[in-house]
């Protein structure tokens, strides 16, 4: 089952009201099903304020590929961290004496 990810759309504070309304309508009409969209005002006086829309979407095929590559779910030999630790514990090891200078 693919995971859903949270995505963001930022709108700068320098937008006319008419452009903002058109932009919000376009975003609303193109959101995926079950998006749970939220609108927040973020930022401050120094870096500027912006409207941020957050919503959930399904992962893209590229994101799914990267997640499966790095998640370890398709571990080919089935070795877990615990199994690897036990294998390392069985490796013979002799401590060498520290050289004195």
PDB file of N, CA and C in Angstrom:
ATOM      1  N   UNK A   1       0.853  -1.183   0.000  1.00  0.00           N
ATOM      2  CA  UNK A   1       0.000   0.000   0.000  1.00  0.00           C
ATOM      3  C   UNK A   1       0.892   1.236   0.000  1.00  0.00           C
ATOM      4  N   UNK A   2       0.728   2.123  -0.953  1.00  0.00           N
ATOM      5  CA  UNK A   2       1.578   3.308  -0.999  1.00  0.00           C
ATOM      6  C   UNK A   2       1.287   4.249   0.166  1.00  0.00           C
ATOM      7  N   UNK A   3       2.325   4.870   0.623  1.00  0.00           N
ATOM      8  CA  UNK A   3       2.211   5.847   1.691  1.00  0.00           C
ATOM      9  C   UNK A   3       1.762   7.177   1.130  1.00  0.00           C
ATOM     10  N   UNK A   4       1.106   7.953   1.965  1.00  0.00           N
ATOM     11  CA  UNK A   4       0.741   9.313   1.565  1.00  0.00           C
ATOM     12  C   UNK A   4       1.775  10.265   2.140  1.00  0.00           C
ATOM     13  N   UNK A   5       2.065  11.317   1.408  1.00  0.00           N
ATOM     14  CA  UNK A   5       3.031  12.311   1.861  1.00  0.00           C
ATOM     15  C   UNK A   5       2.363  13.678   1.928  1.00  0.00           C
ATOM     16  N   UNK A   6       2.913  14.527   2.795  1.00  0.00           N
ATOM     17  CA  UNK A   6       2.396  15.878   2.931  1.00  0.00           C
ATOM     18  C   UNK A   6       3.152  16.779   1.960  1.00  0.00           C
ATOM     19  N   UNK A   7       2.423  17.550   1.196  1.00  0.00           N
ATOM     20  CA  UNK A   7       3.021  18.458   0.221  1.00  0.00           C
ATOM     21  C   UNK A   7       2.632  19.889   0.579  1.00  0.00           C
ATOM     22  N   UNK A   8       3.390  20.867   0.068  1.00  0.00           N
ATOM     23  CA  UNK A   8       3.199  22.264   0.408  1.00  0.00           C
ATOM     24  C   UNK A   8       3.104  23.123  -0.841  1.00  0.00           C
ATOM     25  N   UNK A   9       2.280  24.159  -0.763  1.00  0.00           N
ATOM     26  CA  UNK A   9       2.200  25.188  -1.794  1.00  0.00           C
ATOM     27  C   UNK A   9       2.290  26.519  -1.062  1.00  0.00           C
ATOM     28  N   UNK A  10       3.262  27.355  -1.430  1.00  0.00           N
ATOM     29  CA  UNK A  10       3.422  28.667  -0.816  1.00  0.00           C
ATOM     30  C   UNK A  10       2.946  29.757  -1.763  1.00  0.00           C
ATOM     31  N   UNK A  11       2.255  30.764  -1.209  1.00  0.00           N
ATOM     32  CA  UNK A  11       1.796  31.921  -1.961  1.00  0.00           C
ATOM     33  C   UNK A  11       2.389  33.139  -1.271  1.00  0.00           C
ATOM     34  N   UNK A  12       3.138  33.954  -2.005  1.00  0.00           N
ATOM     35  CA  UNK A  12       3.795  35.117  -1.390  1.00  0.00           C
ATOM     36  C   UNK A  12       2.761  36.154  -0.974  1.00  0.00           C
ATOM     37  N   UNK A  13       3.213  37.084  -0.157  1.00  0.00           N
ATOM     38  CA  UNK A  13       2.294  38.122   0.315  1.00  0.00           C
ATOM     39  C   UNK A  13       2.024  39.183  -0.744  1.00  0.00           C
ATOM     40  N   UNK A  14       2.786  39.195  -1.825  1.00  0.00           N
ATOM     41  CA  UNK A  14       2.625  40.211  -2.871  1.00  0.00           C
ATOM     42  C   UNK A  14       1.762  39.680  -4.013  1.00  0.00           C
ATOM     43  N   UNK A  15       0.530  39.364  -3.715  1.00  0.00           N
ATOM     44  CA  UNK A  15      -0.399  38.831  -4.700  1.00  0.00           C
ATOM     45  C   UNK A  15      -1.688  39.639  -4.619  1.00  0.00           C
ATOM     46  N   UNK A  16      -2.223  40.009  -5.768  1.00  0.00           N
ATOM     47  CA  UNK A  16      -3.494  40.746  -5.741  1.00  0.00           C
ATOM     48  C   UNK A  16      -4.611  39.817  -5.284  1.00  0.00           C
ATOM     49  N   UNK A  17      -5.689  40.395  -4.782  1.00  0.00           N
ATOM     50  CA  UNK A  17      -6.807  39.613  -4.281  1.00  0.00           C
ATOM     51  C   UNK A  17      -7.424  38.761  -5.384  1.00  0.00           C
ATOM     52  N   UNK A  18      -7.587  39.347  -6.574  1.00  0.00           N
ATOM     53  CA  UNK A  18      -8.162  38.598  -7.691  1.00  0.00           C
ATOM     54  C   UNK A  18      -7.277  37.411  -8.072  1.00  0.00           C
ATOM     55  N   UNK A  19      -5.960  37.647  -8.132  1.00  0.00           N
ATOM     56  CA  UNK A  19      -5.033  36.549  -8.448  1.00  0.00           C
ATOM     57  C   UNK A  19      -5.069  35.477  -7.362  1.00  0.00           C
ATOM     58  N   UNK A  20      -5.151  35.911  -6.117  1.00  0.00           N
ATOM     59  CA  UNK A  20      -5.197  34.962  -5.011  1.00  0.00           C
ATOM     60  C   UNK A  20      -6.442  34.086  -5.086  1.00  0.00           C
ATOM     61  N   UNK A  21      -7.577  34.685  -5.349  1.00  0.00           N
ATOM     62  CA  UNK A  21      -8.825  33.920  -5.452  1.00  0.00           C
ATOM     63  C   UNK A  21      -8.741  32.916  -6.598  1.00  0.00           C
ATOM     64  N   UNK A  22      -8.268  33.359  -7.757  1.00  0.00           N
ATOM     65  CA  UNK A  22      -8.124  32.449  -8.904  1.00  0.00           C
ATOM     66  C   UNK A  22      -7.155  31.304  -8.585  1.00  0.00           C
ATOM     67  N   UNK A  23      -6.054  31.667  -7.948  1.00  0.00           N
ATOM     68  CA  UNK A  23      -5.047  30.678  -7.600  1.00  0.00           C
ATOM     69  C   UNK A  23      -5.602  29.642  -6.619  1.00  0.00           C
ATOM     70  N   UNK A  24      -6.314  30.099  -5.579  1.00  0.00           N
ATOM     71  CA  UNK A  24      -6.896  29.181  -4.603  1.00  0.00           C
ATOM     72  C   UNK A  24      -7.953  28.275  -5.238  1.00  0.00           C
ATOM     73  N   UNK A  25      -8.758  28.826  -6.146  1.00  0.00           N
ATOM     74  CA  UNK A  25      -9.757  27.998  -6.833  1.00  0.00           C
ATOM     75  C   UNK A  25      -9.084  26.933  -7.690  1.00  0.00           C
ATOM     76  N   UNK A  26      -8.018  27.305  -8.367  1.00  0.00           N
ATOM     77  CA  UNK A  26      -7.289  26.341  -9.200  1.00  0.00           C
ATOM     78  C   UNK A  26      -6.687  25.238  -8.339  1.00  0.00           C
ATOM     79  N   UNK A  27      -6.097  25.623  -7.227  1.00  0.00           N
ATOM     80  CA  UNK A  27      -5.525  24.628  -6.312  1.00  0.00           C
ATOM     81  C   UNK A  27      -6.615  23.699  -5.802  1.00  0.00           C
ATOM     82  N   UNK A  28      -7.730  24.267  -5.346  1.00  0.00           N
ATOM     83  CA  UNK A  28      -8.831  23.457  -4.809  1.00  0.00           C
ATOM     84  C   UNK A  28      -9.349  22.472  -5.849  1.00  0.00           C
ATOM     85  N   UNK A  29      -9.500  22.923  -7.084  1.00  0.00           N
ATOM     86  CA  UNK A  29     -10.050  22.067  -8.132  1.00  0.00           C
ATOM     87  C   UNK A  29      -9.087  20.939  -8.534  1.00  0.00           C
ATOM     88  N   UNK A  30      -7.798  21.099  -8.242  1.00  0.00           N
ATOM     89  CA  UNK A  30      -6.813  20.095  -8.659  1.00  0.00           C
ATOM     90  C   UNK A  30      -6.248  19.262  -7.511  1.00  0.00           C
ATOM     91  N   UNK A  31      -6.790  19.426  -6.306  1.00  0.00           N
ATOM     92  CA  UNK A  31      -6.309  18.623  -5.187  1.00  0.00           C
ATOM     93  C   UNK A  31      -6.766  17.176  -5.337  1.00  0.00           C
ATOM     94  N   UNK A  32      -5.947  16.227  -4.889  1.00  0.00           N
ATOM     95  CA  UNK A  32      -6.353  14.817  -4.961  1.00  0.00           C
ATOM     96  C   UNK A  32      -7.476  14.518  -3.971  1.00  0.00           C
ATOM     97  N   UNK A  33      -8.135  13.390  -4.185  1.00  0.00           N
ATOM     98  CA  UNK A  33      -9.204  12.982  -3.272  1.00  0.00           C
ATOM     99  C   UNK A  33      -8.629  12.756  -1.880  1.00  0.00           C
ATOM    100  N   UNK A  34      -9.422  13.029  -0.855  1.00  0.00           N
ATOM    101  CA  UNK A  34      -9.022  12.834   0.541  1.00  0.00           C
ATOM    102  C   UNK A  34      -7.731  13.591   0.856  1.00  0.00           C
ATOM    103  N   UNK A  35      -7.665  14.842   0.443  1.00  0.00           N
ATOM    104  CA  UNK A  35      -6.450  15.643   0.550  1.00  0.00           C
ATOM    105  C   UNK A  35      -6.202  16.244   1.925  1.00  0.00           C
ATOM    106  N   UNK A  36      -7.230  16.492   2.715  1.00  0.00           N
ATOM    107  CA  UNK A  36      -7.130  17.099   4.046  1.00  0.00           C
ATOM    108  C   UNK A  36      -6.326  18.412   3.991  1.00  0.00           C
ATOM    109  N   UNK A  37      -6.650  19.266   3.046  1.00  0.00           N
ATOM    110  CA  UNK A  37      -5.907  20.515   2.846  1.00  0.00           C
ATOM    111  C   UNK A  37      -6.136  21.495   4.002  1.00  0.00           C
ATOM    112  N   UNK A  38      -5.065  22.238   4.320  1.00  0.00           N
ATOM    113  CA  UNK A  38      -5.117  23.271   5.348  1.00  0.00           C
ATOM    114  C   UNK A  38      -4.428  24.527   4.809  1.00  0.00           C
ATOM    115  N   UNK A  39      -4.895  25.685   5.249  1.00  0.00           N
ATOM    116  CA  UNK A  39      -4.302  26.961   4.850  1.00  0.00           C
ATOM    117  C   UNK A  39      -3.799  27.660   6.104  1.00  0.00           C
ATOM    118  N   UNK A  40      -2.520  28.078   6.085  1.00  0.00           N
ATOM    119  CA  UNK A  40      -1.920  28.763   7.234  1.00  0.00           C
ATOM    120  C   UNK A  40      -1.155  29.976   6.741  1.00  0.00           C
ATOM    121  N   UNK A  41      -1.036  30.981   7.606  1.00  0.00           N
ATOM    122  CA  UNK A  41      -0.181  32.125   7.340  1.00  0.00           C
ATOM    123  C   UNK A  41       1.123  31.871   8.085  1.00  0.00           C
ATOM    124  N   UNK A  42       2.242  31.903   7.353  1.00  0.00           N
ATOM    125  CA  UNK A  42       3.537  31.618   7.954  1.00  0.00           C
ATOM    126  C   UNK A  42       4.491  32.773   7.676  1.00  0.00           C
ATOM    127  N   UNK A  43       5.576  32.815   8.441  1.00  0.00           N
ATOM    128  CA  UNK A  43       6.600  33.813   8.231  1.00  0.00           C
ATOM    129  C   UNK A  43       6.593  34.882   9.293  1.00  0.00           C
ATOM    130  N   UNK A  44       7.366  35.958   9.025  1.00  0.00           N
ATOM    131  CA  UNK A  44       7.466  37.065   9.967  1.00  0.00           C
ATOM    132  C   UNK A  44       7.755  38.362   9.209  1.00  0.00           C
ATOM    133  N   UNK A  45       7.967  39.442   9.965  1.00  0.00           N
ATOM    134  CA  UNK A  45       8.193  40.743   9.349  1.00  0.00           C
ATOM    135  C   UNK A  45       9.534  40.822   8.629  1.00  0.00           C
ATOM    136  N   UNK A  46      10.501  40.055   9.075  1.00  0.00           N
ATOM    137  CA  UNK A  46      11.841  40.120   8.496  1.00  0.00           C
ATOM    138  C   UNK A  46      11.905  39.379   7.164  1.00  0.00           C
ATOM    139  N   UNK A  47      11.460  38.145   7.150  1.00  0.00           N
ATOM    140  CA  UNK A  47      11.556  37.319   5.944  1.00  0.00           C
ATOM    141  C   UNK A  47      10.295  37.362   5.092  1.00  0.00           C
ATOM    142  N   UNK A  48       9.255  38.009   5.584  1.00  0.00           N
ATOM    143  CA  UNK A  48       8.008  38.117   4.834  1.00  0.00           C
ATOM    144  C   UNK A  48       7.015  37.038   5.232  1.00  0.00           C
ATOM    145  N   UNK A  49       5.782  37.326   4.971  1.00  0.00           N
ATOM    146  CA  UNK A  49       4.708  36.368   5.268  1.00  0.00           C
ATOM    147  C   UNK A  49       4.248  35.722   3.974  1.00  0.00           C
ATOM    148  N   UNK A  50       3.677  34.535   4.116  1.00  0.00           N
ATOM    149  CA  UNK A  50       3.136  33.834   2.956  1.00  0.00           C
ATOM    150  C   UNK A  50       2.008  32.923   3.416  1.00  0.00           C
ATOM    151  N   UNK A  51       1.108  32.665   2.511  1.00  0.00           N
ATOM    152  CA  UNK A  51       0.069  31.664   2.759  1.00  0.00           C
ATOM    153  C   UNK A  51       0.645  30.314   2.373  1.00  0.00           C
ATOM    154  N   UNK A  52       0.465  29.335   3.220  1.00  0.00           N
ATOM    155  CA  UNK A  52       0.950  27.993   2.926  1.00  0.00           C
ATOM    156  C   UNK A  52      -0.218  27.026   2.961  1.00  0.00           C
ATOM    157  N   UNK A  53      -0.375  26.294   1.888  1.00  0.00           N
ATOM    158  CA  UNK A  53      -1.402  25.260   1.797  1.00  0.00           C
ATOM    159  C   UNK A  53      -0.687  23.919   1.933  1.00  0.00           C
ATOM    160  N   UNK A  54      -1.121  23.125   2.889  1.00  0.00           N
ATOM    161  CA  UNK A  54      -0.576  21.773   3.032  1.00  0.00           C
ATOM    162  C   UNK A  54      -1.683  20.780   2.706  1.00  0.00           C
ATOM    163  N   UNK A  55      -1.292  19.679   2.076  1.00  0.00           N
ATOM    164  CA  UNK A  55      -2.268  18.650   1.730  1.00  0.00           C
ATOM    165  C   UNK A  55      -1.549  17.310   1.580  1.00  0.00           C
ATOM    166  N   UNK A  56      -2.326  16.243   1.656  1.00  0.00           N
ATOM    167  CA  UNK A  56      -1.778  14.905   1.493  1.00  0.00           C
ATOM    168  C   UNK A  56      -2.006  14.414   0.075  1.00  0.00           C
ATOM    169  N   UNK A  57      -1.021  13.669  -0.437  1.00  0.00           N
ATOM    170  CA  UNK A  57      -1.130  13.073  -1.768  1.00  0.00           C
ATOM    171  C   UNK A  57      -0.424  11.727  -1.748  1.00  0.00           C
ATOM    172  N   UNK A  58      -0.716  10.908  -2.748  1.00  0.00           N
ATOM    173  CA  UNK A  58      -0.032   9.632  -2.894  1.00  0.00           C
ATOM    174  C   UNK A  58       1.390   9.881  -3.375  1.00  0.00           C
ATOM    175  N   UNK A  59       2.288   8.972  -3.074  1.00  0.00           N
ATOM    176  CA  UNK A  59       3.659   9.103  -3.538  1.00  0.00           C
ATOM    177  C   UNK A  59       3.741   8.902  -5.039  1.00  0.00           C
ATOM    178  N   UNK A  60       4.701   9.582  -5.651  1.00  0.00           N
ATOM    179  CA  UNK A  60       4.951   9.384  -7.078  1.00  0.00           C
ATOM    180  C   UNK A  60       5.737   8.084  -7.261  1.00  0.00           C
ATOM    181  N   UNK A  61       5.761   7.525  -8.470  1.00  0.00           N
ATOM    182  CA  UNK A  61       6.549   6.300  -8.698  1.00  0.00           C
ATOM    183  C   UNK A  61       8.023   6.475  -8.334  1.00  0.00           C
ATOM    184  N   UNK A  62       8.580   7.655  -8.588  1.00  0.00           N
ATOM    185  CA  UNK A  62       9.984   7.907  -8.236  1.00  0.00           C
ATOM    186  C   UNK A  62      10.183   7.876  -6.727  1.00  0.00           C
ATOM    187  N   UNK A  63       9.245   8.472  -5.980  1.00  0.00           N
ATOM    188  CA  UNK A  63       9.335   8.463  -4.517  1.00  0.00           C
ATOM    189  C   UNK A  63       9.195   7.046  -3.970  1.00  0.00           C
ATOM    190  N   UNK A  64       8.286   6.271  -4.561  1.00  0.00           N
ATOM    191  CA  UNK A  64       8.129   4.876  -4.136  1.00  0.00           C
ATOM    192  C   UNK A  64       9.402   4.076  -4.377  1.00  0.00           C
ATOM    193  N   UNK A  65      10.030   4.304  -5.530  1.00  0.00           N
ATOM    194  CA  UNK A  65      11.265   3.608  -5.867  1.00  0.00           C
ATOM    195  C   UNK A  65      12.370   3.954  -4.868  1.00  0.00           C
ATOM    196  N   UNK A  66      12.522   5.240  -4.558  1.00  0.00           N
ATOM    197  CA  UNK A  66      13.541   5.651  -3.591  1.00  0.00           C
ATOM    198  C   UNK A  66      13.256   5.097  -2.208  1.00  0.00           C
ATOM    199  N   UNK A  67      12.000   5.109  -1.803  1.00  0.00           N
ATOM    200  CA  UNK A  67      11.661   4.592  -0.475  1.00  0.00           C
ATOM    201  C   UNK A  67      11.962   3.111  -0.372  1.00  0.00           C
ATOM    202  N   UNK A  68      11.605   2.348  -1.406  1.00  0.00           N
ATOM    203  CA  UNK A  68      11.879   0.911  -1.361  1.00  0.00           C
ATOM    204  C   UNK A  68      13.373   0.640  -1.403  1.00  0.00           C
ATOM    205  N   UNK A  69      14.115   1.508  -2.091  1.00  0.00           N
ATOM    206  CA  UNK A  69      15.572   1.342  -2.185  1.00  0.00           C
ATOM    207  C   UNK A  69      16.240   1.542  -0.831  1.00  0.00           C
ATOM    208  N   UNK A  70      15.775   2.524  -0.052  1.00  0.00           N
ATOM    209  CA  UNK A  70      16.437   2.873   1.193  1.00  0.00           C
ATOM    210  C   UNK A  70      15.735   2.366   2.445  1.00  0.00           C
ATOM    211  N   UNK A  71      14.549   1.820   2.322  1.00  0.00           N
ATOM    212  CA  UNK A  71      13.822   1.392   3.516  1.00  0.00           C
ATOM    213  C   UNK A  71      14.312   0.062   4.054  1.00  0.00           C
ATOM    214  N   UNK A  72      14.941  -0.774   3.208  1.00  0.00           N
ATOM    215  CA  UNK A  72      15.430  -2.061   3.671  1.00  0.00           C
ATOM    216  C   UNK A  72      14.368  -3.135   3.698  1.00  0.00           C
ATOM    217  N   UNK A  73      13.180  -2.842   3.194  1.00  0.00           N
ATOM    218  CA  UNK A  73      12.111  -3.837   3.197  1.00  0.00           C
ATOM    219  C   UNK A  73      12.416  -5.009   2.286  1.00  0.00           C
ATOM    220  N   UNK A  74      13.164  -4.769   1.208  1.00  0.00           N
ATOM    221  CA  UNK A  74      13.476  -5.839   0.275  1.00  0.00           C
ATOM    222  C   UNK A  74      14.886  -6.375   0.530  1.00  0.00           C
ATOM    223  N   UNK A  75      15.240  -6.513   1.814  1.00  0.00           N
ATOM    224  CA  UNK A  75      16.547  -6.995   2.222  1.00  0.00           C
ATOM    225  C   UNK A  75      16.769  -8.392   1.650  1.00  0.00           C
ATOM    226  N   UNK A  76      17.727  -8.533   0.760  1.00  0.00           N
ATOM    227  CA  UNK A  76      17.883  -9.763  -0.006  1.00  0.00           C
ATOM    228  C   UNK A  76      18.292 -10.959   0.840  1.00  0.00           C
ATOM    229  N   UNK A  77      19.192 -10.795   1.808  1.00  0.00           N
ATOM    230  CA  UNK A  77      19.606 -11.940   2.598  1.00  0.00           C
ATOM    231  C   UNK A  77      18.856 -12.036   3.918  1.00  0.00           C
ATOM    232  N   UNK A  78      17.984 -11.094   4.198  1.00  0.00           N
ATOM    233  CA  UNK A  78      17.139 -11.165   5.387  1.00  0.00           C
ATOM    234  C   UNK A  78      17.889 -10.917   6.679  1.00  0.00           C
ATOM    235  N   UNK A  79      19.096 -10.409   6.621  1.00  0.00           N
ATOM    236  CA  UNK A  79      19.881 -10.180   7.817  1.00  0.00           C
ATOM    237  C   UNK A  79      19.358  -8.964   8.575  1.00  0.00           C
ATOM    238  N   UNK A  80      19.139  -9.154   9.850  1.00  0.00           N
ATOM    239  CA  UNK A  80      18.738  -8.041  10.695  1.00  0.00           C
ATOM    240  C   UNK A  80      19.959  -7.544  11.452  1.00  0.00           C
ATOM    241  N   UNK A  81      19.827  -6.442  12.085  1.00  0.00           N
ATOM    242  CA  UNK A  81      20.928  -5.878  12.870  1.00  0.00           C
ATOM    243  C   UNK A  81      21.347  -6.867  13.954  1.00  0.00           C
ATOM    244  N   UNK A  82      20.387  -7.484  14.579  1.00  0.00           N
ATOM    245  CA  UNK A  82      20.696  -8.440  15.650  1.00  0.00           C
ATOM    246  C   UNK A  82      21.468  -9.642  15.116  1.00  0.00           C
ATOM    247  N   UNK A  83      21.069 -10.160  13.954  1.00  0.00           N
ATOM    248  CA  UNK A  83      21.787 -11.293  13.355  1.00  0.00           C
ATOM    249  C   UNK A  83      23.213 -10.902  12.991  1.00  0.00           C
ATOM    250  N   UNK A  84      23.404  -9.714  12.455  1.00  0.00           N
ATOM    251  CA  UNK A  84      24.741  -9.253  12.109  1.00  0.00           C
ATOM    252  C   UNK A  84      25.606  -9.081  13.357  1.00  0.00           C
ATOM    253  N   UNK A  85      25.018  -8.609  14.441  1.00  0.00           N
ATOM    254  CA  UNK A  85      25.766  -8.451  15.681  1.00  0.00           C
ATOM    255  C   UNK A  85      26.249  -9.799  16.193  1.00  0.00           C
ATOM    256  N   UNK A  86      25.395 -10.817  16.116  1.00  0.00           N
ATOM    257  CA  UNK A  86      25.793 -12.162  16.553  1.00  0.00           C
ATOM    258  C   UNK A  86      26.918 -12.709  15.685  1.00  0.00           C
ATOM    259  N   UNK A  87      26.861 -12.460  14.394  1.00  0.00           N
ATOM    260  CA  UNK A  87      27.939 -12.909  13.507  1.00  0.00           C
ATOM    261  C   UNK A  87      29.255 -12.226  13.863  1.00  0.00           C
ATOM    262  N   UNK A  88      29.200 -10.950  14.155  1.00  0.00           N
ATOM    263  CA  UNK A  88      30.411 -10.222  14.529  1.00  0.00           C
ATOM    264  C   UNK A  88      30.957 -10.693  15.874  1.00  0.00           C
ATOM    265  N   UNK A  89      30.079 -11.080  16.792  1.00  0.00           N
ATOM    266  CA  UNK A  89      30.530 -11.595  18.087  1.00  0.00           C
ATOM    267  C   UNK A  89      31.319 -12.888  17.938  1.00  0.00           C
ATOM    268  N   UNK A  90      31.060 -13.649  16.886  1.00  0.00           N
ATOM    269  CA  UNK A  90      31.740 -14.929  16.666  1.00  0.00           C
ATOM    270  C   UNK A  90      33.086 -14.785  15.974  1.00  0.00           C
ATOM    271  N   UNK A  91      33.437 -13.598  15.516  1.00  0.00           N
ATOM    272  CA  UNK A  91      34.711 -13.377  14.830  1.00  0.00           C
ATOM    273  C   UNK A  91      35.830 -13.326  15.866  1.00  0.00           C
ATOM    274  N   UNK A  92      36.892 -14.165  15.690  1.00  0.00           N
ATOM    275  CA  UNK A  92      37.988 -14.139  16.669  1.00  0.00           C
ATOM    276  C   UNK A  92      38.735 -12.796  16.610  1.00  0.00           C
ATOM    277  N   UNK A  93      39.117 -12.323  17.772  1.00  0.00           N
ATOM    278  CA  UNK A  93      39.783 -11.021  17.844  1.00  0.00           C
ATOM    279  C   UNK A  93      40.792 -11.051  18.988  1.00  0.00           C
ATOM    280  N   UNK A  94      42.035 -10.658  18.702  1.00  0.00           N
ATOM    281  CA  UNK A  94      43.060 -10.562  19.739  1.00  0.00           C
ATOM    282  C   UNK A  94      43.395  -9.105  19.950  1.00  0.00           C
ATOM    283  N   UNK A  95      43.419  -8.715  21.178  1.00  0.00           N
ATOM    284  CA  UNK A  95      43.790  -7.331  21.495  1.00  0.00           C
ATOM    285  C   UNK A  95      45.298  -7.196  21.465  1.00  0.00           C
ATOM    286  N   UNK A  96      45.779  -6.217  20.767  1.00  0.00           N
ATOM    287  CA  UNK A  96      47.219  -5.971  20.758  1.00  0.00           C
ATOM    288  C   UNK A  96      47.548  -4.986  21.876  1.00  0.00           C
ATOM    289  N   UNK A  97      48.762  -5.118  22.374  1.00  0.00           N
ATOM    290  CA  UNK A  97      49.153  -4.222  23.462  1.00  0.00           C
ATOM    291  C   UNK A  97      49.508  -2.867  22.888  1.00  0.00           C
ATOM    292  N   UNK A  98      49.145  -1.847  23.589  1.00  0.00           N
ATOM    293  CA  UNK A  98      49.419  -0.473  23.140  1.00  0.00           C
ATOM    294  C   UNK A  98      50.932  -0.229  23.150  1.00  0.00           C
ATOM    295  N   UNK A  99      51.422   0.417  22.129  1.00  0.00           N
ATOM    296  CA  UNK A  99      52.844   0.736  22.049  1.00  0.00           C
ATOM    297  C   UNK A  99      53.140   1.896  22.989  1.00  0.00           C
ATOM    298  N   UNK A 100      54.218   1.742  23.676  1.00  0.00           N
ATOM    299  CA  UNK A 100      54.623   2.833  24.571  1.00  0.00           C
ATOM    300  C   UNK A 100      55.720   3.636  23.917  1.00  0.00           C
ATOM    301  N   UNK A 101      55.615   4.942  23.993  1.00  0.00           N
ATOM    302  CA  UNK A 101      56.567   5.795  23.302  1.00  0.00           C
ATOM    303  C   UNK A 101      57.555   6.472  24.129  1.00  0.00           C
TER     304      UNK A 101
END
